[in-house]
Amino acid sequence: MIDTDELVRRNAAFAAGEAFADVPLRSAGALRLIGCVDPRVDPAHVLGLHNTEAVVMRNVGGRVTPEALRSWAMLAKVAQARGAGLPRAGGHLVVLHHTDCGITDLAAFPDLLAEYFEIPAAELPAKAVLDPYTSVRLDVDLMKQALPPGIAVSGLVYDVHTGLIEVVVPPVQPEG
């Protein structure tokens, strides 16, 4: 078990390396990613991302929910408040879903899922919670509608058994 003492020890080693020094709030690149909270699917590890290389949001299923869209809008406002302006043109948002996702277990709890997606329970089949390939396509479409022009959106599915990702939706520029 990792206890608080172990976390403090690991943090001291991190702090000694000073990798945090002078790191800006805004990511160095224009990559944004939404993925699942599943510990097997940490985007930094499975995609080889380095600190500050991307803004990563994680939630249950890596889904584009109304709450996720509100959070992305808030992050854009943080960038504006820091004088960084609107999201960079030429940016890329990746929707990352994965196989064997725990959200599939929530299909037995339609009221909970309906609340999560902020839709009536009767509309849940349209969210494809049992199929990550379909759900990633749906969520890419939602992001394309929500993002300003100039930001590409793509959809990936990570296979927890092979460790490989599959590009389900290649980068697509939003309309507008």
C-alpha atoms as a PDB file:
ATOM      1  CA  MET A   1       0.000   0.000   0.000  1.00  0.00           C
ATOM      2  CA  ILE A   2       1.199   3.488  -0.793  1.00  0.00           C
ATOM      3  CA  ASP A   3       0.758   5.568   2.341  1.00  0.00           C
ATOM      4  CA  THR A   4       1.275   9.268   3.004  1.00  0.00           C
ATOM      5  CA  ASP A   5       4.883   8.765   4.118  1.00  0.00           C
ATOM      6  CA  GLU A   6       5.669   7.095   0.794  1.00  0.00           C
ATOM      7  CA  LEU A   7       3.979   9.926  -1.104  1.00  0.00           C
ATOM      8  CA  VAL A   8       6.027  12.492   0.812  1.00  0.00           C
ATOM      9  CA  ARG A   9       9.223  10.528   0.025  1.00  0.00           C
ATOM     10  CA  ARG A  10       8.353  10.358  -3.674  1.00  0.00           C
ATOM     11  CA  ASN A  11       7.488  14.053  -3.720  1.00  0.00           C
ATOM     12  CA  ALA A  12      10.832  14.951  -2.141  1.00  0.00           C
ATOM     13  CA  ALA A  13      12.604  13.060  -4.943  1.00  0.00           C
ATOM     14  CA  PHE A  14      10.462  14.893  -7.508  1.00  0.00           C
ATOM     15  CA  ALA A  15      11.129  18.293  -5.915  1.00  0.00           C
ATOM     16  CA  ALA A  16      14.879  17.617  -5.769  1.00  0.00           C
ATOM     17  CA  GLY A  17      14.913  17.250  -9.552  1.00  0.00           C
ATOM     18  CA  GLU A  18      13.343  20.703  -9.934  1.00  0.00           C
ATOM     19  CA  ALA A  19      11.327  19.548 -12.969  1.00  0.00           C
ATOM     20  CA  PHE A  20       8.548  21.815 -11.716  1.00  0.00           C
ATOM     21  CA  ALA A  21      10.635  25.002 -11.712  1.00  0.00           C
ATOM     22  CA  ASP A  22       9.371  27.795 -13.951  1.00  0.00           C
ATOM     23  CA  VAL A  23       6.767  25.548 -15.592  1.00  0.00           C
ATOM     24  CA  PRO A  24       4.058  27.756 -17.082  1.00  0.00           C
ATOM     25  CA  LEU A  25       0.381  27.149 -16.408  1.00  0.00           C
ATOM     26  CA  ARG A  26      -0.291  26.854 -20.115  1.00  0.00           C
ATOM     27  CA  SER A  27       0.892  23.711 -21.864  1.00  0.00           C
ATOM     28  CA  ALA A  28       3.894  24.027 -24.139  1.00  0.00           C
ATOM     29  CA  GLY A  29       1.995  22.562 -27.066  1.00  0.00           C
ATOM     30  CA  ALA A  30      -1.516  22.837 -28.353  1.00  0.00           C
ATOM     31  CA  LEU A  31      -2.597  19.312 -27.437  1.00  0.00           C
ATOM     32  CA  ARG A  32      -5.682  18.727 -25.329  1.00  0.00           C
ATOM     33  CA  LEU A  33      -6.921  15.310 -24.351  1.00  0.00           C
ATOM     34  CA  ILE A  34      -9.932  13.846 -22.594  1.00  0.00           C
ATOM     35  CA  GLY A  35      -9.588  10.328 -21.253  1.00  0.00           C
ATOM     36  CA  CYS A  36     -10.838   7.944 -18.610  1.00  0.00           C
ATOM     37  CA  VAL A  37      -9.908   7.898 -14.917  1.00  0.00           C
ATOM     38  CA  ASP A  38      -9.092   4.175 -15.161  1.00  0.00           C
ATOM     39  CA  PRO A  39      -5.582   3.775 -13.679  1.00  0.00           C
ATOM     40  CA  ARG A  40      -4.647   1.397 -16.522  1.00  0.00           C
ATOM     41  CA  VAL A  41      -5.154   4.206 -19.028  1.00  0.00           C
ATOM     42  CA  ASP A  42      -3.095   7.147 -17.808  1.00  0.00           C
ATOM     43  CA  PRO A  43      -2.736   9.187 -21.017  1.00  0.00           C
ATOM     44  CA  ALA A  44       0.737  10.403 -20.057  1.00  0.00           C
ATOM     45  CA  HIS A  45       1.959   6.817 -19.889  1.00  0.00           C
ATOM     46  CA  VAL A  46       0.089   5.160 -22.751  1.00  0.00           C
ATOM     47  CA  LEU A  47       0.765   8.046 -25.157  1.00  0.00           C
ATOM     48  CA  GLY A  48       4.263   8.915 -23.949  1.00  0.00           C
ATOM     49  CA  LEU A  49       3.356  12.484 -22.995  1.00  0.00           C
ATOM     50  CA  HIS A  50       5.772  14.645 -21.040  1.00  0.00           C
ATOM     51  CA  ASN A  51       4.943  17.205 -18.371  1.00  0.00           C
ATOM     52  CA  THR A  52       3.399  20.376 -19.924  1.00  0.00           C
ATOM     53  CA  GLU A  53       3.057  18.722 -23.337  1.00  0.00           C
ATOM     54  CA  ALA A  54      -0.733  18.514 -23.109  1.00  0.00           C
ATOM     55  CA  VAL A  55      -3.729  19.558 -21.077  1.00  0.00           C
ATOM     56  CA  VAL A  56      -5.328  16.309 -19.921  1.00  0.00           C
ATOM     57  CA  MET A  57      -8.828  16.004 -18.505  1.00  0.00           C
ATOM     58  CA  ARG A  58      -9.978  12.691 -17.069  1.00  0.00           C
ATOM     59  CA  ASN A  59     -13.459  11.563 -16.105  1.00  0.00           C
ATOM     60  CA  VAL A  60     -15.485   8.357 -15.988  1.00  0.00           C
ATOM     61  CA  GLY A  61     -15.263   6.770 -19.429  1.00  0.00           C
ATOM     62  CA  GLY A  62     -13.335   9.699 -20.893  1.00  0.00           C
ATOM     63  CA  ARG A  63     -16.677  10.955 -22.092  1.00  0.00           C
ATOM     64  CA  VAL A  64     -17.574  14.342 -23.487  1.00  0.00           C
ATOM     65  CA  THR A  65     -20.323  15.288 -21.074  1.00  0.00           C
ATOM     66  CA  PRO A  66     -21.943  18.669 -20.502  1.00  0.00           C
ATOM     67  CA  GLU A  67     -19.752  19.003 -17.402  1.00  0.00           C
ATOM     68  CA  ALA A  68     -16.610  18.252 -19.436  1.00  0.00           C
ATOM     69  CA  LEU A  69     -17.608  20.912 -21.964  1.00  0.00           C
ATOM     70  CA  ARG A  70     -18.116  23.402 -19.142  1.00  0.00           C
ATOM     71  CA  SER A  71     -14.686  22.520 -17.754  1.00  0.00           C
ATOM     72  CA  TRP A  72     -13.023  23.042 -21.160  1.00  0.00           C
ATOM     73  CA  ALA A  73     -14.733  26.442 -21.384  1.00  0.00           C
ATOM     74  CA  MET A  74     -13.430  27.329 -17.913  1.00  0.00           C
ATOM     75  CA  LEU A  75      -9.900  26.314 -18.901  1.00  0.00           C
ATOM     76  CA  ALA A  76     -10.107  28.622 -21.920  1.00  0.00           C
ATOM     77  CA  LYS A  77     -11.098  31.443 -19.565  1.00  0.00           C
ATOM     78  CA  VAL A  78      -8.122  30.664 -17.310  1.00  0.00           C
ATOM     79  CA  ALA A  79      -5.843  30.999 -20.345  1.00  0.00           C
ATOM     80  CA  GLN A  80      -7.495  34.309 -21.238  1.00  0.00           C
ATOM     81  CA  ALA A  81      -7.150  35.576 -17.664  1.00  0.00           C
ATOM     82  CA  ARG A  82      -3.445  34.742 -17.740  1.00  0.00           C
ATOM     83  CA  GLY A  83      -3.061  36.769 -20.913  1.00  0.00           C
ATOM     84  CA  ALA A  84      -2.618  33.758 -23.138  1.00  0.00           C
ATOM     85  CA  GLY A  85      -5.663  34.509 -25.277  1.00  0.00           C
ATOM     86  CA  LEU A  86      -8.049  32.003 -26.790  1.00  0.00           C
ATOM     87  CA  PRO A  87      -7.064  28.389 -27.505  1.00  0.00           C
ATOM     88  CA  ARG A  88      -4.323  28.237 -30.110  1.00  0.00           C
ATOM     89  CA  ALA A  89      -5.320  27.818 -33.716  1.00  0.00           C
ATOM     90  CA  GLY A  90      -3.857  24.648 -35.099  1.00  0.00           C
ATOM     91  CA  GLY A  91      -4.464  22.865 -31.821  1.00  0.00           C
ATOM     92  CA  HIS A  92      -5.536  19.262 -31.477  1.00  0.00           C
ATOM     93  CA  LEU A  93      -8.024  17.713 -29.082  1.00  0.00           C
ATOM     94  CA  VAL A  94      -7.900  13.948 -28.638  1.00  0.00           C
ATOM     95  CA  VAL A  95     -10.783  11.893 -27.287  1.00  0.00           C
ATOM     96  CA  LEU A  96      -9.324   8.696 -25.783  1.00  0.00           C
ATOM     97  CA  HIS A  97     -11.620   5.804 -24.896  1.00  0.00           C
ATOM     98  CA  HIS A  98     -10.523   2.260 -24.065  1.00  0.00           C
ATOM     99  CA  THR A  99     -11.581  -1.366 -24.054  1.00  0.00           C
ATOM    100  CA  ASP A 100     -12.816  -3.037 -20.863  1.00  0.00           C
ATOM    101  CA  CYS A 101     -13.957   0.309 -19.469  1.00  0.00           C
ATOM    102  CA  GLY A 102     -15.754   0.364 -16.141  1.00  0.00           C
ATOM    103  CA  ILE A 103     -18.414   2.664 -17.569  1.00  0.00           C
ATOM    104  CA  THR A 104     -19.876  -0.434 -19.228  1.00  0.00           C
ATOM    105  CA  ASP A 105     -20.659  -1.756 -15.749  1.00  0.00           C
ATOM    106  CA  LEU A 106     -22.774   1.336 -15.153  1.00  0.00           C
ATOM    107  CA  ALA A 107     -25.219   0.289 -17.878  1.00  0.00           C
ATOM    108  CA  ALA A 108     -27.031  -1.498 -15.049  1.00  0.00           C
ATOM    109  CA  PHE A 109     -27.599   1.923 -13.459  1.00  0.00           C
ATOM    110  CA  PRO A 110     -29.412   3.923 -16.147  1.00  0.00           C
ATOM    111  CA  ASP A 111     -30.536   6.690 -13.795  1.00  0.00           C
ATOM    112  CA  LEU A 112     -26.950   7.327 -12.735  1.00  0.00           C
ATOM    113  CA  LEU A 113     -25.713   7.385 -16.335  1.00  0.00           C
ATOM    114  CA  ALA A 114     -28.583   9.615 -17.444  1.00  0.00           C
ATOM    115  CA  GLU A 115     -27.642  12.097 -14.737  1.00  0.00           C
ATOM    116  CA  TYR A 116     -23.955  11.914 -15.771  1.00  0.00           C
ATOM    117  CA  PHE A 117     -24.786  12.673 -19.411  1.00  0.00           C
ATOM    118  CA  GLU A 118     -27.563  15.095 -18.401  1.00  0.00           C
ATOM    119  CA  ILE A 119     -30.090  13.348 -20.643  1.00  0.00           C
ATOM    120  CA  PRO A 120     -33.289  11.359 -20.105  1.00  0.00           C
ATOM    121  CA  ALA A 121     -32.647   7.668 -19.415  1.00  0.00           C
ATOM    122  CA  ALA A 122     -34.549   6.771 -22.591  1.00  0.00           C
ATOM    123  CA  GLU A 123     -31.750   8.430 -24.622  1.00  0.00           C
ATOM    124  CA  LEU A 124     -28.920   6.375 -23.088  1.00  0.00           C
ATOM    125  CA  PRO A 125     -28.654   3.873 -25.980  1.00  0.00           C
ATOM    126  CA  ALA A 126     -27.492   6.779 -28.163  1.00  0.00           C
ATOM    127  CA  LYS A 127     -24.452   7.214 -25.874  1.00  0.00           C
ATOM    128  CA  ALA A 128     -23.058   3.748 -26.770  1.00  0.00           C
ATOM    129  CA  VAL A 129     -21.574   3.129 -23.319  1.00  0.00           C
ATOM    130  CA  LEU A 130     -20.945  -0.524 -24.187  1.00  0.00           C
ATOM    131  CA  ASP A 131     -18.883   0.153 -27.344  1.00  0.00           C
ATOM    132  CA  PRO A 132     -15.770   2.342 -27.110  1.00  0.00           C
ATOM    133  CA  TYR A 133     -15.404   2.543 -30.902  1.00  0.00           C
ATOM    134  CA  THR A 134     -18.875   3.992 -31.337  1.00  0.00           C
ATOM    135  CA  SER A 135     -18.678   6.154 -28.221  1.00  0.00           C
ATOM    136  CA  VAL A 136     -15.406   7.751 -29.320  1.00  0.00           C
ATOM    137  CA  ARG A 137     -16.989   8.670 -32.683  1.00  0.00           C
ATOM    138  CA  LEU A 138     -19.975  10.215 -30.885  1.00  0.00           C
ATOM    139  CA  ASP A 139     -17.759  12.213 -28.535  1.00  0.00           C
ATOM    140  CA  VAL A 140     -15.530  13.453 -31.360  1.00  0.00           C
ATOM    141  CA  ASP A 141     -18.672  14.756 -33.067  1.00  0.00           C
ATOM    142  CA  LEU A 142     -19.680  16.568 -29.865  1.00  0.00           C
ATOM    143  CA  MET A 143     -16.243  18.172 -29.547  1.00  0.00           C
ATOM    144  CA  LYS A 144     -16.216  19.245 -33.198  1.00  0.00           C
ATOM    145  CA  GLN A 145     -19.474  21.107 -32.560  1.00  0.00           C
ATOM    146  CA  ALA A 146     -18.198  22.702 -29.343  1.00  0.00           C
ATOM    147  CA  LEU A 147     -14.716  23.860 -30.364  1.00  0.00           C
ATOM    148  CA  PRO A 148     -13.787  27.048 -32.158  1.00  0.00           C
ATOM    149  CA  PRO A 149     -12.418  26.812 -35.716  1.00  0.00           C
ATOM    150  CA  GLY A 150      -8.817  25.757 -36.153  1.00  0.00           C
ATOM    151  CA  ILE A 151      -8.694  22.966 -33.578  1.00  0.00           C
ATOM    152  CA  ALA A 152      -8.531  19.444 -34.963  1.00  0.00           C
ATOM    153  CA  VAL A 153     -10.340  16.643 -33.142  1.00  0.00           C
ATOM    154  CA  SER A 154      -9.463  12.962 -33.280  1.00  0.00           C
ATOM    155  CA  GLY A 155     -10.639   9.810 -31.527  1.00  0.00           C
ATOM    156  CA  LEU A 156      -8.493   6.960 -30.244  1.00  0.00           C
ATOM    157  CA  VAL A 157      -9.309   3.672 -28.568  1.00  0.00           C
ATOM    158  CA  TYR A 158      -6.702   2.108 -26.293  1.00  0.00           C
ATOM    159  CA  ASP A 159      -6.746  -1.673 -25.972  1.00  0.00           C
ATOM    160  CA  VAL A 160      -5.980  -2.556 -22.345  1.00  0.00           C
ATOM    161  CA  HIS A 161      -4.916  -6.076 -23.371  1.00  0.00           C
ATOM    162  CA  THR A 162      -2.379  -5.172 -26.075  1.00  0.00           C
ATOM    163  CA  GLY A 163      -1.300  -1.713 -24.890  1.00  0.00           C
ATOM    164  CA  LEU A 164      -1.900  -0.325 -28.374  1.00  0.00           C
ATOM    165  CA  ILE A 165      -4.099   2.529 -29.544  1.00  0.00           C
ATOM    166  CA  GLU A 166      -6.197   2.547 -32.673  1.00  0.00           C
ATOM    167  CA  VAL A 167      -7.045   5.735 -34.524  1.00  0.00           C
ATOM    168  CA  VAL A 168     -10.813   5.482 -34.912  1.00  0.00           C
ATOM    169  CA  VAL A 169     -11.331   9.078 -36.049  1.00  0.00           C
ATOM    170  CA  PRO A 170      -8.348  10.754 -37.719  1.00  0.00           C
ATOM    171  CA  PRO A 171      -7.783  14.433 -36.893  1.00  0.00           C
ATOM    172  CA  VAL A 172     -10.671  16.444 -38.314  1.00  0.00           C
ATOM    173  CA  GLN A 173     -10.937  20.242 -38.345  1.00  0.00           C
ATOM    174  CA  PRO A 174     -14.222  21.496 -36.902  1.00  0.00           C
ATOM    175  CA  GLU A 175     -16.593  23.271 -39.223  1.00  0.00           C
ATOM    176  CA  GLY A 176     -16.937  27.006 -39.024  1.00  0.00           C
END
